[in-house]
Each structure stands twice: as C-alpha cells, then as structure tokens.
Amino acid sequence: MSEIERSVARCIAQSLGLTEGDVGAAGFELTNAATFSSFALLEMVVRLEETFSISVPDKDLTLERFASVASISQYVRERQGALGS
C-alpha cells in the first residue's frame, strides 16, 4: 500500500469508526460499511482536504470516486496534480 493509500485508509477509518485494517481489506467499499452515512462522508472529505491540502468540489462527490481506498487515492492524486498545473 502506498503512503497516499495508507493516509486515505486512515481518513476513512477515523470517519467511519473502523480500523485501518478493515478499511484496507480487499473488497472494502464505503457504501457497504454499516457506519457509512452522508455525515461520515462529509467528515471524511474534510479529513482528506486537510490531510492532502486539496479541495473537493461538491460536483466531485460521486459514489464512483469515493467507493474504496483505491478510487479515493486515485482521486487525491488527480487533485494534487491539478493543483500543480
């Protein structure tokens, strides 16, 4: 797992009240977590923004982008790249 993926897993775990191991497990999807809610999603987005110094526009809040550690990590990389442009 890359450093970005570990940090994303940490943000997700803290927001959903899970362990990083649970979140990093193969096949984990946010929407399948019993503690997933719109409030938890917003808390996670704030954590991601603070951790990675990015901004997440409302239009980007889709289930495809925020489904798993892998998809969120890819999104974070894209946002970081956009900041450098």
N, C-alpha and C. Protein backbone atom coordinates (compact mmCIF):
# COMPACT_ATOMS: atom_id res chain seq x y z
N MET A 1 0.85 -1.17 0.00
CA MET A 1 0.00 0.00 0.00
C MET A 1 0.90 1.24 0.00
N SER A 2 0.59 2.20 -0.86
CA SER A 2 1.38 3.43 -0.93
C SER A 2 1.09 4.33 0.27
N GLU A 3 1.92 5.35 0.43
CA GLU A 3 1.71 6.31 1.52
C GLU A 3 0.37 7.02 1.37
N ILE A 4 0.01 7.37 0.14
CA ILE A 4 -1.30 8.01 -0.09
C ILE A 4 -2.42 7.06 0.32
N GLU A 5 -2.32 5.81 -0.08
CA GLU A 5 -3.36 4.83 0.26
C GLU A 5 -3.46 4.63 1.77
N ARG A 6 -2.32 4.59 2.45
CA ARG A 6 -2.35 4.46 3.92
C ARG A 6 -3.02 5.67 4.57
N SER A 7 -2.72 6.86 4.07
CA SER A 7 -3.33 8.08 4.62
C SER A 7 -4.81 8.13 4.32
N VAL A 8 -5.20 7.71 3.12
CA VAL A 8 -6.62 7.65 2.77
C VAL A 8 -7.34 6.66 3.67
N ALA A 9 -6.75 5.49 3.85
CA ALA A 9 -7.35 4.47 4.72
C ALA A 9 -7.53 5.01 6.14
N ARG A 10 -6.55 5.76 6.62
CA ARG A 10 -6.63 6.36 7.95
C ARG A 10 -7.79 7.35 8.03
N CYS A 11 -7.93 8.19 7.01
CA CYS A 11 -9.03 9.18 6.98
C CYS A 11 -10.39 8.47 6.97
N ILE A 12 -10.50 7.44 6.16
CA ILE A 12 -11.76 6.68 6.09
C ILE A 12 -12.06 6.03 7.43
N ALA A 13 -11.06 5.34 7.99
CA ALA A 13 -11.24 4.62 9.26
C ALA A 13 -11.69 5.57 10.36
N GLN A 14 -11.04 6.72 10.46
CA GLN A 14 -11.40 7.68 11.51
C GLN A 14 -12.82 8.21 11.30
N SER A 15 -13.21 8.43 10.07
CA SER A 15 -14.53 8.97 9.78
C SER A 15 -15.64 7.96 9.98
N LEU A 16 -15.34 6.69 9.74
CA LEU A 16 -16.36 5.64 9.87
C LEU A 16 -16.28 4.87 11.18
N GLY A 17 -15.29 5.19 12.01
CA GLY A 17 -15.15 4.49 13.28
C GLY A 17 -14.71 3.04 13.10
N LEU A 18 -13.88 2.80 12.09
CA LEU A 18 -13.38 1.46 11.80
C LEU A 18 -11.87 1.44 12.00
N THR A 19 -11.28 0.25 11.86
CA THR A 19 -9.83 0.16 11.92
C THR A 19 -9.26 0.33 10.52
N GLU A 20 -8.01 0.73 10.45
CA GLU A 20 -7.36 0.86 9.14
C GLU A 20 -7.29 -0.49 8.44
N GLY A 21 -7.16 -1.56 9.21
CA GLY A 21 -7.14 -2.90 8.64
C GLY A 21 -8.45 -3.24 7.96
N ASP A 22 -9.57 -2.87 8.59
CA ASP A 22 -10.88 -3.11 7.98
C ASP A 22 -11.01 -2.36 6.66
N VAL A 23 -10.60 -1.11 6.67
CA VAL A 23 -10.75 -0.25 5.51
C VAL A 23 -9.80 -0.67 4.39
N GLY A 24 -8.62 -1.14 4.74
CA GLY A 24 -7.63 -1.53 3.74
C GLY A 24 -7.83 -2.93 3.19
N ALA A 25 -8.80 -3.66 3.71
CA ALA A 25 -9.03 -5.04 3.27
C ALA A 25 -9.51 -5.06 1.82
N ALA A 26 -9.11 -6.10 1.12
CA ALA A 26 -9.54 -6.26 -0.27
C ALA A 26 -11.07 -6.33 -0.32
N GLY A 27 -11.63 -5.64 -1.26
CA GLY A 27 -13.08 -5.67 -1.44
C GLY A 27 -13.85 -4.67 -0.59
N PHE A 28 -13.16 -3.90 0.28
CA PHE A 28 -13.86 -2.93 1.11
C PHE A 28 -14.44 -1.81 0.25
N GLU A 29 -15.71 -1.51 0.47
CA GLU A 29 -16.35 -0.38 -0.18
C GLU A 29 -17.08 0.44 0.88
N LEU A 30 -16.94 1.75 0.78
CA LEU A 30 -17.54 2.66 1.76
C LEU A 30 -19.02 2.40 1.97
N THR A 31 -19.75 2.28 0.89
CA THR A 31 -21.21 2.17 1.00
C THR A 31 -21.66 0.87 1.66
N ASN A 32 -20.77 -0.11 1.76
CA ASN A 32 -21.12 -1.37 2.43
C ASN A 32 -20.82 -1.34 3.93
N ALA A 33 -20.14 -0.30 4.38
CA ALA A 33 -19.81 -0.18 5.80
C ALA A 33 -21.08 0.19 6.58
N ALA A 34 -21.30 -0.49 7.68
CA ALA A 34 -22.50 -0.25 8.49
C ALA A 34 -22.55 1.18 9.02
N THR A 35 -21.40 1.80 9.19
CA THR A 35 -21.35 3.16 9.76
C THR A 35 -21.33 4.25 8.69
N PHE A 36 -21.47 3.86 7.41
CA PHE A 36 -21.47 4.85 6.33
C PHE A 36 -22.74 5.68 6.38
N SER A 37 -22.56 7.00 6.25
CA SER A 37 -23.69 7.93 6.20
C SER A 37 -23.23 9.18 5.47
N SER A 38 -24.16 10.05 5.15
CA SER A 38 -23.77 11.30 4.49
C SER A 38 -22.91 12.14 5.43
N PHE A 39 -23.18 12.08 6.72
CA PHE A 39 -22.36 12.81 7.69
C PHE A 39 -20.93 12.26 7.71
N ALA A 40 -20.80 10.94 7.71
CA ALA A 40 -19.47 10.32 7.70
C ALA A 40 -18.72 10.66 6.42
N LEU A 41 -19.44 10.73 5.30
CA LEU A 41 -18.81 11.10 4.04
C LEU A 41 -18.27 12.52 4.10
N LEU A 42 -19.06 13.44 4.63
CA LEU A 42 -18.61 14.83 4.75
C LEU A 42 -17.41 14.94 5.69
N GLU A 43 -17.45 14.20 6.79
CA GLU A 43 -16.32 14.21 7.72
C GLU A 43 -15.07 13.69 7.04
N MET A 44 -15.22 12.63 6.24
CA MET A 44 -14.09 12.06 5.53
C MET A 44 -13.53 13.05 4.51
N VAL A 45 -14.40 13.75 3.80
CA VAL A 45 -13.94 14.73 2.81
C VAL A 45 -13.14 15.84 3.49
N VAL A 46 -13.61 16.30 4.63
CA VAL A 46 -12.87 17.34 5.37
C VAL A 46 -11.50 16.81 5.77
N ARG A 47 -11.44 15.57 6.26
CA ARG A 47 -10.15 14.97 6.64
C ARG A 47 -9.22 14.87 5.43
N LEU A 48 -9.76 14.45 4.29
CA LEU A 48 -8.95 14.33 3.08
C LEU A 48 -8.43 15.70 2.65
N GLU A 49 -9.30 16.70 2.69
CA GLU A 49 -8.88 18.05 2.30
C GLU A 49 -7.75 18.56 3.20
N GLU A 50 -7.89 18.32 4.49
CA GLU A 50 -6.86 18.77 5.44
C GLU A 50 -5.57 17.97 5.31
N THR A 51 -5.70 16.67 5.15
CA THR A 51 -4.53 15.79 5.08
C THR A 51 -3.70 16.03 3.82
N PHE A 52 -4.39 16.22 2.70
CA PHE A 52 -3.70 16.31 1.41
C PHE A 52 -3.66 17.73 0.83
N SER A 53 -4.16 18.69 1.58
CA SER A 53 -4.19 20.09 1.12
C SER A 53 -4.84 20.21 -0.26
N ILE A 54 -6.01 19.59 -0.38
CA ILE A 54 -6.77 19.65 -1.63
C ILE A 54 -8.15 20.23 -1.33
N SER A 55 -8.86 20.55 -2.37
CA SER A 55 -10.24 20.99 -2.25
C SER A 55 -11.10 20.02 -3.05
N VAL A 56 -12.20 19.57 -2.45
CA VAL A 56 -13.09 18.63 -3.12
C VAL A 56 -14.40 19.37 -3.44
N PRO A 57 -14.61 19.73 -4.71
CA PRO A 57 -15.85 20.41 -5.07
C PRO A 57 -17.05 19.46 -4.94
N ASP A 58 -18.20 20.02 -4.64
CA ASP A 58 -19.41 19.21 -4.47
C ASP A 58 -19.68 18.32 -5.68
N LYS A 59 -19.40 18.83 -6.87
CA LYS A 59 -19.68 18.06 -8.10
C LYS A 59 -18.86 16.78 -8.17
N ASP A 60 -17.77 16.72 -7.43
CA ASP A 60 -16.90 15.53 -7.45
C ASP A 60 -17.35 14.45 -6.46
N LEU A 61 -18.33 14.73 -5.63
CA LEU A 61 -18.77 13.76 -4.63
C LEU A 61 -19.69 12.72 -5.27
N THR A 62 -19.07 11.73 -5.89
CA THR A 62 -19.82 10.66 -6.53
C THR A 62 -19.41 9.33 -5.90
N LEU A 63 -20.31 8.36 -5.99
CA LEU A 63 -20.00 7.04 -5.42
C LEU A 63 -18.86 6.36 -6.17
N GLU A 64 -18.71 6.68 -7.45
CA GLU A 64 -17.61 6.08 -8.21
C GLU A 64 -16.26 6.57 -7.68
N ARG A 65 -16.16 7.86 -7.39
CA ARG A 65 -14.90 8.43 -6.91
C ARG A 65 -14.62 8.05 -5.46
N PHE A 66 -15.66 7.90 -4.67
CA PHE A 66 -15.49 7.68 -3.23
C PHE A 66 -16.01 6.29 -2.82
N ALA A 67 -15.66 5.29 -3.60
CA ALA A 67 -16.12 3.93 -3.33
C ALA A 67 -15.17 3.13 -2.46
N SER A 68 -13.87 3.36 -2.63
CA SER A 68 -12.88 2.50 -1.97
C SER A 68 -11.59 3.28 -1.74
N VAL A 69 -10.67 2.66 -1.03
CA VAL A 69 -9.36 3.28 -0.81
C VAL A 69 -8.69 3.55 -2.15
N ALA A 70 -8.76 2.60 -3.07
CA ALA A 70 -8.10 2.75 -4.37
C ALA A 70 -8.70 3.91 -5.16
N SER A 71 -10.03 4.00 -5.22
CA SER A 71 -10.64 5.06 -6.02
C SER A 71 -10.42 6.44 -5.38
N ILE A 72 -10.44 6.52 -4.07
CA ILE A 72 -10.20 7.79 -3.39
C ILE A 72 -8.73 8.19 -3.55
N SER A 73 -7.83 7.24 -3.46
CA SER A 73 -6.40 7.53 -3.64
C SER A 73 -6.14 8.06 -5.04
N GLN A 74 -6.77 7.46 -6.03
CA GLN A 74 -6.63 7.94 -7.41
C GLN A 74 -7.16 9.37 -7.52
N TYR A 75 -8.30 9.63 -6.90
CA TYR A 75 -8.88 10.98 -6.93
C TYR A 75 -7.92 11.99 -6.27
N VAL A 76 -7.36 11.62 -5.13
CA VAL A 76 -6.43 12.51 -4.43
C VAL A 76 -5.23 12.82 -5.33
N ARG A 77 -4.69 11.80 -6.00
CA ARG A 77 -3.57 12.03 -6.92
C ARG A 77 -3.97 13.01 -8.03
N GLU A 78 -5.17 12.83 -8.58
CA GLU A 78 -5.66 13.73 -9.63
C GLU A 78 -5.78 15.16 -9.11
N ARG A 79 -6.33 15.32 -7.91
CA ARG A 79 -6.49 16.67 -7.35
C ARG A 79 -5.14 17.31 -7.07
N GLN A 80 -4.21 16.53 -6.56
CA GLN A 80 -2.87 17.06 -6.31
C GLN A 80 -2.20 17.47 -7.62
N GLY A 81 -2.42 16.70 -8.66
CA GLY A 81 -1.88 17.03 -9.97
C GLY A 81 -2.50 18.30 -10.52
N ALA A 82 -3.79 18.47 -10.28
CA ALA A 82 -4.50 19.67 -10.76
C ALA A 82 -3.97 20.92 -10.06
N LEU A 83 -3.55 20.77 -8.82
CA LEU A 83 -3.01 21.92 -8.08
C LEU A 83 -1.66 22.34 -8.64
N GLY A 84 -0.93 21.39 -9.18
CA GLY A 84 0.38 21.69 -9.72
C GLY A 84 0.33 22.27 -11.13
N SER A 85 -0.83 22.21 -11.76
CA SER A 85 -0.97 22.70 -13.14
C SER A 85 -1.09 24.20 -13.20
